[in-house]
Amino acid sequence: MDSDKRTIGAVPASWSGLDWQQLTACWRVKMRYGGNAGVARTAALLELCRLVPAGRGCHSGPTGEVLYTLRDHEGNLWQVTPRELSQAAMKAMRWFDYPYGDPGEPEQKDEKGKVIKEGRDPVRGYVGPMHDALQLPLETLKVHGKVFALPQVACNNLTWQQYRSLQAIVPQLFSGDASDGEASGLQARFLAHCLVPRSFALLDTAGGSMRVRPHWEYRYNASQADGLVTWWQRHGDETVFHVCFQAYQTALVYYATVHPTLFSDSGRKDVMHDALQGEVGTINSVMKYQGYSDPQQVYDTNLPIILDTLDTMAKEAKEIEKMNAKMRRK
């Protein structure tokens, strides 16, 4: 297995490098094998390399060791021992055990300089260098007969109201103080606000007349999302949650890359933090800048548009501050 560099080289370098199908497959494997990390990692390697057992059985090699025959997507066959397969998985997928990342740890030495504890290199989790997971191969997701649009963050259609709702949930999701029941409830809330359900509506096709046609639409509504929490608690799929969370985290990395002025602390003032804390002022400012007459128009607007507006306003404020500072020096 180690000799097949093409196969091993095809494995992504982190959870952030997985596309939608790969992430779903890897998380299902992780859930299936639970705490048996070695088996789960090996099974995930087979999924990512698109390898399948060529036959039901196995046989012994020249040394009497059990060999497994594998076939890749091109039909090539080769034989490996379980140990070789496990070693290949460990080498190529050390990140598999750390979906949320691992900061690593420096090695420790005693007074004589002898290493008493090996160090660990850091491992990237869901969010690494900007990874474009915003273009997904699917358009909808079906869970227990109910159809949802894919995570709006992944489609880059997250509304300001969705973003605010998710921002209120995320800090609690991985708190060590949360019980299993509380964590399940938080995951249900996250899915309820992240995935937009399909709903039946009548579309006015003649500018105010009675000519309407029925159609399906996906439109986020905070009240509607709150009502879905109970449904997700009954039908929630842990795989769906983690895939949605990965898409959300990736989208935040994307937004922070596009709008560093908003998501990075400039030293004296964190613009995005201030915007979220003083939401009433933010809504009023955006309404005035965009010419909106109703605050709900801001909440219904796609997040990228709001971010563009806040970014422009922040840059204009900086320019005014520079001009004022220049005037004071005169």
Protein backbone atom coordinates (compact mmCIF):
# COMPACT_ATOMS: atom_id res chain seq x y z
CA MET A 1 0.00 0.00 0.00
CA ASP A 2 2.82 2.40 0.84
CA SER A 3 4.25 1.88 -2.63
CA ASP A 4 1.11 3.22 -4.27
CA LYS A 5 1.88 6.95 -3.94
CA ARG A 6 -0.95 7.93 -6.27
CA THR A 7 -3.60 6.41 -4.02
CA ILE A 8 -2.19 7.78 -0.76
CA GLY A 9 -1.48 11.16 -2.34
CA ALA A 10 -5.17 11.52 -3.22
CA VAL A 11 -6.19 11.74 0.45
CA PRO A 12 -7.00 15.30 1.62
CA ALA A 13 -4.66 16.84 4.18
CA SER A 14 -7.35 17.81 6.71
CA TRP A 15 -11.08 17.79 7.43
CA SER A 16 -11.22 21.18 5.69
CA GLY A 17 -10.06 19.52 2.48
CA LEU A 18 -13.07 17.20 2.23
CA ASP A 19 -15.88 17.95 -0.17
CA TRP A 20 -19.54 17.39 0.73
CA GLN A 21 -19.67 13.68 -0.21
CA GLN A 22 -16.29 12.90 1.38
CA LEU A 23 -17.20 14.67 4.60
CA THR A 24 -20.49 12.79 4.80
CA ALA A 25 -18.77 9.46 4.16
CA CYS A 26 -15.99 10.08 6.70
CA TRP A 27 -18.34 11.22 9.44
CA ARG A 28 -20.63 8.22 8.93
CA VAL A 29 -17.61 5.94 9.29
CA LYS A 30 -16.50 7.79 12.42
CA MET A 31 -19.95 7.40 13.98
CA ARG A 32 -20.22 3.73 12.95
CA TYR A 33 -17.02 2.62 14.69
CA GLY A 34 -17.27 4.95 17.69
CA GLY A 35 -14.18 4.88 19.87
CA ASN A 36 -12.32 2.33 17.72
CA ALA A 37 -10.21 5.04 16.07
CA GLY A 38 -7.85 2.69 14.22
CA VAL A 39 -10.63 0.77 12.50
CA ALA A 40 -12.55 3.96 11.71
CA ARG A 41 -9.47 5.61 10.19
CA THR A 42 -8.74 2.58 8.03
CA ALA A 43 -12.35 2.38 6.85
CA ALA A 44 -12.29 6.10 6.03
CA LEU A 45 -9.12 5.63 3.98
CA LEU A 46 -10.86 2.97 1.91
CA GLU A 47 -13.79 5.38 1.36
CA LEU A 48 -11.58 8.29 0.31
CA CYS A 49 -9.40 6.19 -2.00
CA ARG A 50 -12.50 4.53 -3.44
CA LEU A 51 -11.13 1.11 -2.56
CA VAL A 52 -13.38 -1.90 -2.06
CA PRO A 53 -12.67 -5.54 -1.15
CA ALA A 54 -12.29 -7.53 -4.34
CA GLY A 55 -13.83 -10.60 -2.74
CA ARG A 56 -15.49 -11.72 0.45
CA GLY A 57 -12.59 -13.70 1.78
CA CYS A 58 -8.92 -13.26 2.37
CA HIS A 59 -6.00 -15.61 2.05
CA SER A 60 -2.51 -16.19 3.41
CA GLY A 61 0.64 -14.94 1.76
CA PRO A 62 4.03 -16.67 1.59
CA THR A 63 4.72 -15.92 5.27
CA GLY A 64 1.31 -17.14 6.41
CA GLU A 65 0.11 -13.60 7.11
CA VAL A 66 -3.46 -12.77 6.16
CA LEU A 67 -3.74 -10.70 2.98
CA TYR A 68 -6.68 -8.66 1.74
CA THR A 69 -7.23 -8.10 -1.95
CA LEU A 70 -8.33 -4.57 -2.83
CA ARG A 71 -9.60 -3.00 -6.03
CA ASP A 72 -9.55 0.72 -6.86
CA HIS A 73 -11.98 2.61 -9.14
CA GLU A 74 -9.82 1.78 -12.20
CA GLY A 75 -10.03 -1.95 -11.51
CA ASN A 76 -6.42 -2.40 -10.37
CA LEU A 77 -5.93 -5.13 -7.77
CA TRP A 78 -3.29 -5.46 -5.05
CA GLN A 79 -2.81 -7.23 -1.75
CA VAL A 80 -2.08 -5.73 1.65
CA THR A 81 -1.96 -6.99 5.22
CA PRO A 82 -4.22 -5.43 7.86
CA ARG A 83 -1.12 -3.93 9.48
CA GLU A 84 0.00 -2.31 6.22
CA LEU A 85 -3.46 -0.90 5.67
CA SER A 86 -3.61 0.49 9.20
CA GLN A 87 -0.13 2.03 8.89
CA ALA A 88 -1.05 3.66 5.59
CA ALA A 89 -4.18 5.12 7.17
CA MET A 90 -2.25 6.45 10.16
CA LYS A 91 0.37 8.03 7.91
CA ALA A 92 -2.08 9.62 5.49
CA MET A 93 -4.90 10.53 7.89
CA ARG A 94 -3.55 11.51 11.28
CA TRP A 95 -6.02 14.41 11.14
CA PHE A 96 -8.97 11.99 11.16
CA ASP A 97 -8.92 11.77 14.98
CA TYR A 98 -9.16 15.56 15.37
CA PRO A 99 -12.22 16.91 13.51
CA TYR A 100 -12.00 20.14 15.54
CA GLY A 101 -8.23 20.39 15.29
CA ASP A 102 -5.40 19.72 17.71
CA PRO A 103 -3.03 22.50 18.86
CA GLY A 104 -0.24 19.99 19.33
CA GLU A 105 2.17 19.79 22.23
CA PRO A 106 5.94 20.37 22.53
CA GLU A 107 8.11 17.51 23.67
CA GLN A 108 9.13 17.43 27.31
CA LYS A 109 12.63 16.67 28.58
CA ASP A 110 14.02 15.94 32.01
CA GLU A 111 16.90 17.80 33.65
CA LYS A 112 19.43 15.68 31.74
CA GLY A 113 17.82 16.50 28.39
CA LYS A 114 16.24 13.09 27.94
CA VAL A 115 12.86 13.15 26.18
CA ILE A 116 10.24 11.99 28.67
CA LYS A 117 7.21 12.83 26.56
CA GLU A 118 7.02 12.95 22.79
CA GLY A 119 5.64 16.09 21.20
CA ARG A 120 2.68 16.29 18.84
CA ASP A 121 2.48 18.41 15.72
CA PRO A 122 -0.62 20.61 15.39
CA VAL A 123 -3.44 19.24 13.25
CA ARG A 124 -5.89 21.37 11.30
CA GLY A 125 -9.56 20.72 11.98
CA TYR A 126 -12.57 21.90 10.02
CA VAL A 127 -11.19 25.38 9.47
CA GLY A 128 -7.78 25.61 7.88
CA PRO A 129 -6.49 27.94 5.20
CA MET A 130 -9.36 29.17 3.05
CA HIS A 131 -11.01 26.18 1.41
CA ASP A 132 -13.75 26.66 -1.13
CA ALA A 133 -16.59 24.43 0.05
CA LEU A 134 -19.14 27.00 -1.04
CA GLN A 135 -19.92 25.18 -4.28
CA LEU A 136 -21.63 21.94 -3.44
CA PRO A 137 -22.61 19.18 -5.89
CA LEU A 138 -26.16 18.90 -4.53
CA GLU A 139 -28.99 21.39 -4.32
CA THR A 140 -31.32 19.85 -1.76
CA LEU A 141 -31.23 17.48 1.17
CA LYS A 142 -34.04 15.06 2.08
CA VAL A 143 -34.44 13.87 5.68
CA HIS A 144 -37.40 11.65 6.68
CA GLY A 145 -39.52 12.92 3.78
CA LYS A 146 -38.85 16.62 4.43
CA VAL A 147 -36.85 18.54 1.80
CA PHE A 148 -34.38 21.29 2.72
CA ALA A 149 -32.17 23.60 0.74
CA LEU A 150 -28.53 22.80 1.41
CA PRO A 151 -26.96 24.80 4.24
CA GLN A 152 -27.48 28.40 3.22
CA VAL A 153 -23.98 29.27 4.36
CA ALA A 154 -22.59 26.78 1.86
CA CYS A 155 -24.68 28.33 -0.92
CA ASN A 156 -23.48 31.78 0.18
CA ASN A 157 -27.12 32.79 0.76
CA LEU A 158 -27.06 33.09 4.53
CA THR A 159 -29.29 35.96 5.64
CA TRP A 160 -28.30 38.43 8.34
CA GLN A 161 -31.00 36.98 10.61
CA GLN A 162 -29.72 33.44 10.09
CA TYR A 163 -26.18 34.55 10.80
CA ARG A 164 -27.24 36.24 14.03
CA SER A 165 -29.22 33.16 15.11
CA LEU A 166 -26.33 30.79 14.39
CA GLN A 167 -23.83 33.09 16.09
CA ALA A 168 -25.90 32.88 19.27
CA ILE A 169 -25.87 29.06 19.16
CA VAL A 170 -22.33 28.21 18.09
CA PRO A 171 -20.41 29.31 21.25
CA GLN A 172 -22.48 26.85 23.33
CA LEU A 173 -22.19 23.90 20.94
CA PHE A 174 -18.86 22.55 22.13
CA SER A 175 -18.92 23.76 25.70
CA GLY A 176 -17.53 21.17 28.08
CA ASP A 177 -20.31 22.03 30.51
CA ALA A 178 -23.13 20.91 28.20
CA SER A 179 -24.77 17.56 28.95
CA ASP A 180 -25.61 15.10 26.17
CA GLY A 181 -29.23 16.26 26.19
CA GLU A 182 -28.24 19.93 26.04
CA ALA A 183 -25.78 19.24 23.22
CA SER A 184 -28.49 17.40 21.27
CA GLY A 185 -30.85 20.34 21.72
CA LEU A 186 -28.21 22.82 20.55
CA GLN A 187 -27.49 20.70 17.49
CA ALA A 188 -31.22 20.62 16.70
CA ARG A 189 -31.38 24.42 17.02
CA PHE A 190 -28.34 24.78 14.74
CA LEU A 191 -29.90 22.58 12.05
CA ALA A 192 -33.25 24.35 12.37
CA HIS A 193 -31.65 27.72 11.63
CA CYS A 194 -29.05 26.46 9.14
CA LEU A 195 -31.21 24.32 6.84
CA VAL A 196 -34.11 26.08 5.14
CA PRO A 197 -37.17 23.83 4.59
CA ARG A 198 -39.11 23.72 1.34
CA SER A 199 -42.54 25.36 1.62
CA PHE A 200 -45.55 25.73 -0.66
CA ALA A 201 -46.39 29.26 -1.82
CA LEU A 202 -48.39 31.14 -4.44
CA LEU A 203 -46.42 33.30 -6.84
CA ASP A 204 -48.07 36.46 -8.19
CA THR A 205 -47.32 36.44 -11.92
CA ALA A 206 -49.26 39.51 -13.00
CA GLY A 207 -48.27 42.36 -10.72
CA GLY A 208 -51.07 42.40 -8.21
CA SER A 209 -53.80 40.65 -10.15
CA MET A 210 -55.40 37.38 -9.15
CA ARG A 211 -53.22 35.40 -11.56
CA VAL A 212 -51.05 33.27 -9.32
CA ARG A 213 -49.31 29.96 -9.72
CA PRO A 214 -48.32 27.47 -7.01
CA HIS A 215 -44.64 26.74 -6.53
CA TRP A 216 -42.14 25.46 -3.98
CA GLU A 217 -39.73 27.92 -2.38
CA TYR A 218 -36.98 28.01 0.24
CA ARG A 219 -37.20 31.08 2.43
CA TYR A 220 -35.71 31.51 5.88
CA ASN A 221 -38.01 32.61 8.67
CA ALA A 222 -36.78 32.69 12.28
CA SER A 223 -40.18 31.71 13.69
CA GLN A 224 -40.48 28.83 11.25
CA ALA A 225 -36.96 27.69 12.16
CA ASP A 226 -37.73 27.75 15.87
CA GLY A 227 -40.66 25.42 15.19
CA LEU A 228 -38.31 22.92 13.53
CA VAL A 229 -36.18 22.38 16.63
CA THR A 230 -38.50 19.67 17.99
CA TRP A 231 -38.61 18.00 14.56
CA TRP A 232 -34.80 17.88 14.37
CA GLN A 233 -34.60 16.45 17.88
CA ARG A 234 -36.72 13.53 16.66
CA HIS A 235 -35.18 13.10 13.23
CA GLY A 236 -31.74 14.67 13.59
CA ASP A 237 -28.80 12.94 11.95
CA GLU A 238 -25.42 13.60 13.58
CA THR A 239 -23.78 13.33 10.18
CA VAL A 240 -26.01 16.10 8.80
CA PHE A 241 -25.16 18.34 11.75
CA HIS A 242 -21.41 17.99 11.38
CA VAL A 243 -21.51 18.49 7.62
CA CYS A 244 -23.59 21.65 8.13
CA PHE A 245 -21.24 22.86 10.85
CA GLN A 246 -18.23 22.32 8.59
CA ALA A 247 -19.90 24.32 5.83
CA TYR A 248 -20.70 27.10 8.33
CA GLN A 249 -17.14 27.24 9.63
CA THR A 250 -15.75 27.26 6.10
CA ALA A 251 -18.08 30.09 5.14
CA LEU A 252 -16.85 32.14 8.11
CA VAL A 253 -13.26 31.63 6.97
CA TYR A 254 -14.34 32.79 3.51
CA TYR A 255 -16.08 35.90 4.87
CA ALA A 256 -13.10 36.75 7.08
CA THR A 257 -10.78 36.42 4.07
CA VAL A 258 -12.93 38.69 1.90
CA HIS A 259 -13.62 41.22 4.69
CA PRO A 260 -10.54 41.31 6.96
CA THR A 261 -11.51 44.82 8.08
CA LEU A 262 -14.65 43.43 9.70
CA PHE A 263 -13.44 40.15 11.13
CA SER A 264 -9.98 41.20 12.31
CA ASP A 265 -9.27 43.41 15.28
CA SER A 266 -7.59 46.54 13.97
CA GLY A 267 -5.94 47.14 17.33
CA ARG A 268 -8.38 49.61 18.82
CA LYS A 269 -11.75 48.51 17.53
CA ASP A 270 -13.24 45.27 16.23
CA VAL A 271 -15.83 46.44 13.71
CA MET A 272 -17.76 43.17 13.38
CA HIS A 273 -17.91 42.66 17.14
CA ASP A 274 -19.27 46.17 17.57
CA ALA A 275 -21.83 45.60 14.82
CA LEU A 276 -23.13 42.46 16.52
CA GLN A 277 -23.17 44.01 19.99
CA GLY A 278 -24.91 47.20 18.91
CA GLU A 279 -27.35 45.55 16.53
CA VAL A 280 -30.01 48.28 16.69
CA GLY A 281 -27.47 50.87 15.61
CA THR A 282 -26.17 48.54 12.91
CA ILE A 283 -29.66 47.90 11.52
CA ASN A 284 -30.43 51.64 11.47
CA SER A 285 -27.14 52.42 9.73
CA VAL A 286 -27.64 49.73 7.08
CA MET A 287 -31.25 50.84 6.51
CA LYS A 288 -30.08 54.40 5.88
CA TYR A 289 -27.18 53.30 3.66
CA GLN A 290 -29.28 50.88 1.59
CA GLY A 291 -32.44 53.00 1.52
CA TYR A 292 -34.55 50.39 3.34
CA SER A 293 -37.78 51.46 5.04
CA ASP A 294 -38.29 48.40 7.27
CA PRO A 295 -35.78 46.74 9.64
CA GLN A 296 -37.00 43.32 8.46
CA GLN A 297 -35.54 44.11 5.04
CA VAL A 298 -32.10 44.12 6.65
CA TYR A 299 -32.73 40.80 8.43
CA ASP A 300 -33.92 39.23 5.16
CA THR A 301 -30.93 40.47 3.14
CA ASN A 302 -28.16 38.02 2.24
CA LEU A 303 -25.21 38.27 4.60
CA PRO A 304 -22.63 39.07 1.86
CA ILE A 305 -24.59 42.23 0.97
CA ILE A 306 -24.71 43.32 4.63
CA LEU A 307 -21.00 42.58 5.00
CA ASP A 308 -20.20 44.61 1.88
CA THR A 309 -22.18 47.51 3.33
CA LEU A 310 -20.52 47.29 6.77
CA ASP A 311 -17.12 46.96 5.12
CA THR A 312 -17.70 50.09 3.03
CA MET A 313 -18.97 51.99 6.07
CA ALA A 314 -15.95 50.88 8.14
CA LYS A 315 -13.51 51.96 5.43
CA GLU A 316 -15.27 55.32 5.07
CA ALA A 317 -15.10 55.81 8.85
CA LYS A 318 -11.37 55.07 8.76
CA GLU A 319 -10.83 57.60 6.00
CA ILE A 320 -12.76 60.23 7.95
CA GLU A 321 -10.70 59.42 11.04
CA LYS A 322 -7.48 59.84 9.04
CA MET A 323 -8.67 63.17 7.64
CA ASN A 324 -9.64 64.41 11.11
CA ALA A 325 -6.26 63.33 12.51
CA LYS A 326 -4.51 65.16 9.68
CA MET A 327 -6.57 68.29 10.37
CA ARG A 328 -5.70 68.16 14.08
CA ARG A 329 -1.99 68.04 13.28
CA LYS A 330 -2.19 71.24 11.23
